[in-house]
Amino acid sequence: MRLLHVESQKYIRLKGVYQAGNVIVIDMVTGKITQNGRNILSDLDMVNSRYFAFDSGVNTLNCSIGATITSEFREVYL
């Protein structure tokens, strides 16, 4: 599965078996990737991924398997 950030043309690749109804969460802040609450960080293709960060405002994501995607950008102030 490839998750493409359209604005930057960078992507994250996951290698694994995913079925309809699975909930996959990629948390860029904590570096965690889960499938239905189970850690699947080992599915991350570190060599072939081109990491991206969300921009303020609109972020468009495309998924190679035609999944429904919800993205959320949270501003953090230190």
N, C-alpha and C. Protein backbone atom coordinates (compact mmCIF):
# COMPACT_ATOMS: atom_id res chain seq x y z
N MET A 1 0.85 -1.17 0.00
CA MET A 1 0.00 0.00 0.00
C MET A 1 0.90 1.23 0.00
N ARG A 2 0.55 2.19 -0.82
CA ARG A 2 1.30 3.45 -0.87
C ARG A 2 0.36 4.60 -0.55
N LEU A 3 0.75 5.42 0.43
CA LEU A 3 -0.01 6.60 0.83
C LEU A 3 0.75 7.82 0.33
N LEU A 4 0.17 8.49 -0.68
CA LEU A 4 0.80 9.62 -1.35
C LEU A 4 0.28 10.94 -0.82
N HIS A 5 1.19 11.83 -0.42
CA HIS A 5 0.86 13.21 -0.05
C HIS A 5 0.95 14.01 -1.36
N VAL A 6 -0.20 14.35 -1.92
CA VAL A 6 -0.28 14.93 -3.27
C VAL A 6 0.51 16.23 -3.38
N GLU A 7 0.42 17.10 -2.39
CA GLU A 7 1.07 18.41 -2.48
C GLU A 7 2.59 18.29 -2.57
N SER A 8 3.20 17.36 -1.86
CA SER A 8 4.66 17.23 -1.88
C SER A 8 5.15 16.12 -2.80
N GLN A 9 4.24 15.25 -3.25
CA GLN A 9 4.56 14.07 -4.06
C GLN A 9 5.48 13.10 -3.33
N LYS A 10 5.42 13.11 -2.00
CA LYS A 10 6.15 12.14 -1.19
C LYS A 10 5.17 11.10 -0.68
N TYR A 11 5.66 9.95 -0.25
CA TYR A 11 4.76 8.85 0.09
C TYR A 11 5.36 7.95 1.17
N ILE A 12 4.47 7.17 1.77
CA ILE A 12 4.83 6.13 2.72
C ILE A 12 4.34 4.82 2.14
N ARG A 13 5.21 3.81 2.15
CA ARG A 13 4.82 2.48 1.67
C ARG A 13 4.73 1.52 2.84
N LEU A 14 3.65 0.75 2.85
CA LEU A 14 3.47 -0.31 3.83
C LEU A 14 3.38 -1.63 3.08
N LYS A 15 4.10 -2.62 3.55
CA LYS A 15 4.02 -3.94 2.94
C LYS A 15 3.34 -4.87 3.93
N GLY A 16 2.21 -5.33 3.56
CA GLY A 16 1.42 -6.19 4.44
C GLY A 16 0.10 -6.50 3.77
N VAL A 17 -0.73 -7.27 4.46
CA VAL A 17 -2.04 -7.63 3.94
C VAL A 17 -3.08 -6.83 4.71
N TYR A 18 -3.87 -6.05 3.99
CA TYR A 18 -4.87 -5.20 4.60
C TYR A 18 -6.22 -5.51 3.97
N GLN A 19 -7.24 -5.58 4.81
CA GLN A 19 -8.57 -5.94 4.33
C GLN A 19 -9.55 -4.79 4.56
N ALA A 20 -10.65 -4.84 3.83
CA ALA A 20 -11.70 -3.83 4.01
C ALA A 20 -12.13 -3.82 5.47
N GLY A 21 -12.31 -2.62 6.00
CA GLY A 21 -12.73 -2.48 7.39
C GLY A 21 -11.58 -2.30 8.36
N ASN A 22 -10.34 -2.56 7.93
CA ASN A 22 -9.18 -2.34 8.80
C ASN A 22 -9.00 -0.86 9.03
N VAL A 23 -8.58 -0.50 10.23
CA VAL A 23 -8.27 0.89 10.55
C VAL A 23 -6.75 0.97 10.73
N ILE A 24 -6.10 1.70 9.83
CA ILE A 24 -4.65 1.88 9.90
C ILE A 24 -4.39 3.32 10.32
N VAL A 25 -3.62 3.49 11.40
CA VAL A 25 -3.29 4.81 11.91
C VAL A 25 -1.78 5.02 11.78
N ILE A 26 -1.40 6.11 11.08
CA ILE A 26 0.00 6.49 10.96
C ILE A 26 0.14 7.80 11.73
N ASP A 27 0.81 7.74 12.86
CA ASP A 27 0.99 8.91 13.72
C ASP A 27 2.40 9.44 13.50
N MET A 28 2.50 10.54 12.76
CA MET A 28 3.81 11.10 12.41
C MET A 28 4.51 11.70 13.63
N VAL A 29 3.76 12.09 14.65
CA VAL A 29 4.37 12.70 15.84
C VAL A 29 5.07 11.64 16.68
N THR A 30 4.38 10.52 16.93
CA THR A 30 4.95 9.48 17.80
C THR A 30 5.73 8.43 17.03
N GLY A 31 5.57 8.39 15.70
CA GLY A 31 6.26 7.37 14.90
C GLY A 31 5.61 6.01 14.98
N LYS A 32 4.34 5.95 15.40
CA LYS A 32 3.63 4.68 15.53
C LYS A 32 2.75 4.43 14.31
N ILE A 33 2.68 3.18 13.90
CA ILE A 33 1.77 2.74 12.84
C ILE A 33 1.02 1.54 13.40
N THR A 34 -0.32 1.63 13.40
CA THR A 34 -1.12 0.53 13.94
C THR A 34 -2.19 0.11 12.94
N GLN A 35 -2.56 -1.15 13.03
CA GLN A 35 -3.66 -1.72 12.26
C GLN A 35 -4.63 -2.30 13.27
N ASN A 36 -5.81 -1.70 13.36
CA ASN A 36 -6.82 -2.11 14.34
C ASN A 36 -6.24 -2.14 15.75
N GLY A 37 -5.37 -1.17 16.08
CA GLY A 37 -4.79 -1.06 17.40
C GLY A 37 -3.52 -1.88 17.62
N ARG A 38 -3.15 -2.73 16.65
CA ARG A 38 -1.96 -3.59 16.76
C ARG A 38 -0.78 -2.92 16.06
N ASN A 39 0.38 -2.92 16.69
CA ASN A 39 1.57 -2.31 16.13
C ASN A 39 2.00 -3.02 14.84
N ILE A 40 2.09 -2.25 13.74
CA ILE A 40 2.56 -2.81 12.46
C ILE A 40 3.73 -1.99 11.90
N LEU A 41 4.53 -1.41 12.79
CA LEU A 41 5.67 -0.63 12.35
C LEU A 41 6.60 -1.46 11.47
N SER A 42 6.64 -2.77 11.69
CA SER A 42 7.49 -3.65 10.88
C SER A 42 7.02 -3.72 9.43
N ASP A 43 5.78 -3.30 9.14
CA ASP A 43 5.27 -3.28 7.76
C ASP A 43 5.78 -2.07 6.97
N LEU A 44 6.38 -1.09 7.65
CA LEU A 44 6.87 0.11 6.98
C LEU A 44 8.07 -0.22 6.11
N ASP A 45 7.98 0.15 4.84
CA ASP A 45 9.09 -0.02 3.89
C ASP A 45 9.99 1.20 4.02
N MET A 46 10.96 1.13 4.94
CA MET A 46 11.81 2.28 5.23
C MET A 46 12.69 2.69 4.06
N VAL A 47 13.08 1.74 3.23
CA VAL A 47 13.97 2.03 2.10
C VAL A 47 13.24 2.76 0.99
N ASN A 48 12.02 2.36 0.69
CA ASN A 48 11.29 2.91 -0.46
C ASN A 48 10.27 3.98 -0.11
N SER A 49 10.22 4.41 1.13
CA SER A 49 9.31 5.49 1.53
C SER A 49 10.02 6.83 1.43
N ARG A 50 9.28 7.86 1.09
CA ARG A 50 9.78 9.24 1.04
C ARG A 50 8.90 10.04 1.99
N TYR A 51 9.38 10.21 3.21
CA TYR A 51 8.58 10.75 4.30
C TYR A 51 8.15 12.19 4.05
N PHE A 52 6.96 12.53 4.52
CA PHE A 52 6.40 13.86 4.35
C PHE A 52 5.84 14.36 5.68
N ALA A 53 5.66 15.64 5.76
CA ALA A 53 5.00 16.27 6.91
C ALA A 53 3.77 16.98 6.39
N PHE A 54 2.73 17.02 7.20
CA PHE A 54 1.53 17.76 6.82
C PHE A 54 1.81 19.25 6.84
N ASP A 55 1.20 19.94 5.91
CA ASP A 55 1.27 21.39 5.85
C ASP A 55 0.06 21.96 6.59
N SER A 56 0.15 23.21 7.01
CA SER A 56 -1.03 23.88 7.58
C SER A 56 -2.07 23.98 6.48
N GLY A 57 -3.29 23.76 6.81
CA GLY A 57 -4.36 23.86 5.82
C GLY A 57 -4.64 22.53 5.16
N VAL A 58 -4.89 22.57 3.86
CA VAL A 58 -5.34 21.40 3.11
C VAL A 58 -4.19 20.45 2.83
N ASN A 59 -4.42 19.17 3.09
CA ASN A 59 -3.49 18.11 2.75
C ASN A 59 -4.29 17.04 2.02
N THR A 60 -3.88 16.72 0.81
CA THR A 60 -4.57 15.73 0.01
C THR A 60 -3.76 14.44 0.02
N LEU A 61 -4.44 13.33 0.35
CA LEU A 61 -3.78 12.04 0.40
C LEU A 61 -4.47 11.08 -0.55
N ASN A 62 -3.68 10.30 -1.27
CA ASN A 62 -4.21 9.25 -2.14
C ASN A 62 -3.63 7.92 -1.69
N CYS A 63 -4.46 6.89 -1.71
CA CYS A 63 -4.03 5.56 -1.29
C CYS A 63 -4.10 4.63 -2.49
N SER A 64 -3.06 3.83 -2.68
CA SER A 64 -2.99 2.95 -3.85
C SER A 64 -4.05 1.85 -3.85
N ILE A 65 -4.68 1.56 -2.71
CA ILE A 65 -5.68 0.50 -2.67
C ILE A 65 -7.10 1.06 -2.63
N GLY A 66 -7.25 2.36 -2.89
CA GLY A 66 -8.58 2.95 -2.97
C GLY A 66 -9.29 3.06 -1.64
N ALA A 67 -8.55 3.20 -0.56
CA ALA A 67 -9.14 3.28 0.78
C ALA A 67 -9.69 4.67 1.06
N THR A 68 -10.57 4.76 2.04
CA THR A 68 -11.05 6.04 2.53
C THR A 68 -10.01 6.58 3.51
N ILE A 69 -9.63 7.84 3.34
CA ILE A 69 -8.56 8.42 4.15
C ILE A 69 -9.09 9.62 4.92
N THR A 70 -8.78 9.65 6.20
CA THR A 70 -9.06 10.81 7.04
C THR A 70 -7.73 11.32 7.53
N SER A 71 -7.46 12.61 7.29
CA SER A 71 -6.20 13.19 7.77
C SER A 71 -6.52 14.32 8.73
N GLU A 72 -5.65 14.47 9.69
CA GLU A 72 -5.85 15.51 10.68
C GLU A 72 -4.52 16.19 10.96
N PHE A 73 -4.50 17.50 10.86
CA PHE A 73 -3.31 18.29 11.17
C PHE A 73 -3.60 19.04 12.47
N ARG A 74 -2.73 18.84 13.45
CA ARG A 74 -2.89 19.54 14.72
C ARG A 74 -1.68 20.42 14.94
N GLU A 75 -1.94 21.71 15.07
CA GLU A 75 -0.87 22.68 15.34
C GLU A 75 -0.38 22.49 16.76
N VAL A 76 0.93 22.48 16.94
CA VAL A 76 1.53 22.33 18.26
C VAL A 76 2.35 23.56 18.57
N TYR A 77 2.08 24.15 19.70
CA TYR A 77 2.83 25.33 20.13
C TYR A 77 3.69 24.96 21.33
N LEU A 78 4.94 25.31 21.26
CA LEU A 78 5.86 25.02 22.38
C LEU A 78 6.10 26.24 23.21
